[in-house]
Protein backbone atom coordinates (compact mmCIF):
# COMPACT_ATOMS: atom_id res chain seq x y z
CA GLN A 1 20.60 21.54 6.68
CA VAL A 2 19.82 18.79 4.17
CA HIS A 3 17.68 19.23 1.09
CA LEU A 4 16.09 16.17 -0.52
CA VAL A 5 14.84 16.26 -4.10
CA GLU A 6 12.79 13.39 -5.50
CA SER A 7 12.27 12.58 -9.15
CA GLY A 8 10.93 9.77 -11.29
CA GLY A 9 7.30 9.61 -10.30
CA GLY A 10 4.52 9.44 -12.82
CA LEU A 11 1.91 7.19 -14.33
CA ALA A 12 2.35 3.48 -14.96
CA GLN A 13 0.10 0.61 -15.85
CA ALA A 14 -0.39 -2.33 -13.54
CA GLY A 15 2.50 -4.72 -13.98
CA GLY A 16 4.77 -1.93 -15.14
CA SER A 17 7.81 -0.32 -13.59
CA LEU A 18 8.99 3.03 -12.34
CA ARG A 19 12.23 4.20 -10.77
CA LEU A 20 12.36 6.92 -8.17
CA SER A 21 15.47 8.89 -7.30
CA CYS A 22 16.23 11.12 -4.36
CA ALA A 23 19.32 13.30 -4.17
CA ALA A 24 20.48 14.79 -0.89
CA SER A 25 22.37 18.05 -0.82
CA GLY A 26 23.58 20.44 1.83
CA SER A 27 26.51 20.83 4.13
CA GLY A 28 27.57 19.71 7.52
CA PHE A 29 25.31 16.69 7.55
CA SER A 30 25.82 13.04 8.31
CA ILE A 31 23.33 10.76 6.65
CA ASN A 32 23.66 7.07 7.26
CA ALA A 33 20.12 5.99 6.51
CA MET A 34 17.82 6.92 3.67
CA GLY A 35 14.45 5.59 2.71
CA TRP A 36 11.08 5.94 1.07
CA TYR A 37 7.65 6.39 2.55
CA ARG A 38 4.33 6.64 0.78
CA GLN A 39 0.95 8.07 1.58
CA ALA A 40 -2.21 7.18 -0.27
CA PRO A 41 -5.33 9.36 -0.05
CA GLY A 42 -7.07 8.85 3.26
CA LYS A 43 -4.31 6.65 4.62
CA GLN A 44 -1.38 7.12 6.95
CA ARG A 45 2.12 7.50 5.68
CA GLU A 46 3.87 4.13 5.63
CA LEU A 47 7.42 2.93 5.25
CA VAL A 48 8.21 1.41 1.88
CA ALA A 49 11.92 0.71 2.17
CA ALA A 50 15.04 1.94 3.90
CA ILE A 51 18.76 1.47 3.42
CA THR A 52 21.93 2.34 5.30
CA SER A 53 25.21 3.49 3.82
CA GLY A 54 26.49 -0.03 4.48
CA GLY A 55 23.70 -1.59 2.44
CA THR A 56 21.43 -2.88 5.18
CA THR A 57 17.86 -2.79 3.90
CA ASN A 58 14.37 -2.88 5.33
CA TYR A 59 11.22 -3.43 3.26
CA ALA A 60 7.52 -3.31 3.90
CA ASP A 61 5.96 -6.75 3.42
CA SER A 62 3.68 -5.35 0.74
CA VAL A 63 6.60 -4.51 -1.57
CA LYS A 64 9.04 -7.35 -0.88
CA GLY A 65 10.05 -9.06 -4.09
CA ARG A 66 8.73 -6.20 -6.21
CA PHE A 67 10.62 -3.10 -5.07
CA THR A 68 14.36 -2.68 -4.65
CA ILE A 69 16.05 0.13 -2.77
CA SER A 70 19.64 1.06 -3.54
CA ARG A 71 21.92 4.01 -3.03
CA ASP A 72 25.00 5.69 -4.40
CA ASN A 73 26.88 6.96 -1.36
CA ALA A 74 29.24 9.07 -3.42
CA LYS A 75 26.27 10.96 -4.87
CA ASN A 76 24.17 10.92 -1.70
CA THR A 77 21.38 9.51 -3.81
CA VAL A 78 18.88 6.77 -3.06
CA TYR A 79 16.82 4.92 -5.64
CA LEU A 80 13.63 2.89 -5.54
CA GLN A 81 13.11 0.49 -8.42
CA MET A 82 9.45 -0.46 -8.48
CA ASN A 83 8.45 -3.47 -10.57
CA SER A 84 5.20 -5.36 -10.93
CA LEU A 85 3.31 -2.26 -9.90
CA LYS A 86 -0.22 -2.59 -8.57
CA PRO A 87 -3.00 -0.01 -8.36
CA GLU A 88 -2.63 -0.11 -4.58
CA ASP A 89 0.90 1.27 -4.97
CA THR A 90 -0.67 4.57 -6.00
CA ALA A 91 0.48 7.20 -3.53
CA VAL A 92 2.72 10.17 -2.98
CA TYR A 93 6.20 8.82 -2.32
CA TYR A 94 8.47 10.70 0.06
CA CYS A 95 12.20 10.42 0.41
CA THR A 96 13.61 10.63 3.90
CA ALA A 97 17.05 10.66 5.47
CA SER A 98 18.54 10.55 8.91
CA THR A 99 21.63 9.62 10.85
CA PHE A 100 20.15 6.42 12.20
CA LEU A 101 18.19 3.66 10.46
CA ARG A 102 15.89 3.34 13.45
CA ASP A 103 14.70 6.90 12.91
CA VAL A 104 13.94 6.26 9.25
CA VAL A 105 12.04 3.07 10.11
CA ALA A 106 10.13 4.84 12.88
CA GLY A 107 9.25 7.78 10.66
CA THR A 108 11.06 10.24 12.86
CA SER A 109 13.74 11.16 10.34
CA ASP A 110 15.44 14.50 10.38
CA TYR A 111 14.83 15.27 6.73
CA TRP A 112 12.00 14.78 4.25
CA GLY A 113 11.49 15.53 0.59
CA GLN A 114 8.45 17.20 -0.91
CA GLY A 115 7.10 13.99 -2.41
CA THR A 116 6.49 12.65 -5.89
CA GLN A 117 3.22 11.23 -7.17
CA VAL A 118 3.06 7.64 -8.39
CA THR A 119 -0.16 6.55 -10.06
CA VAL A 120 -0.75 3.00 -11.20
CA SER A 121 -3.69 2.33 -13.46
CA SER A 122 -5.43 -1.02 -13.70
C-alpha cells in the first residue's frame, strides 16, 4: 500500500508562485510514474502534469511554460513548481502515482493523495 501526502498549497496572487510537494511512503510498491491532477468547483478532475522516474514529462496545454514538474526518486517525492499563476488555476490539487505513466495520464492511477487547495486571487 502506498500513502501520498501533499503539501505546499495555499493562497497566491495572480502572477505569483507556489510549490507543491508530494511524498510517497509505504512498502512493497513500485512507482514509476507520479503526477498532479486538479479539480475546480463544478469541473472534472484534469491532468496537470506527470513524470516518470526516468524524467519523461507530460503537461496539460494550459500550464505549459508556467508549471514545472520534477521528482526526487531517492525520496519518492514529486514537486510541482507553479509560476505565473492565474485565477483559473484555483483548484484542489491531487497527487497521484502508479506503475505506468499511461495510467497516470488516463487518471486510472493506483494511488491518490487527499488533495491540497490552491487559491489564486486576481
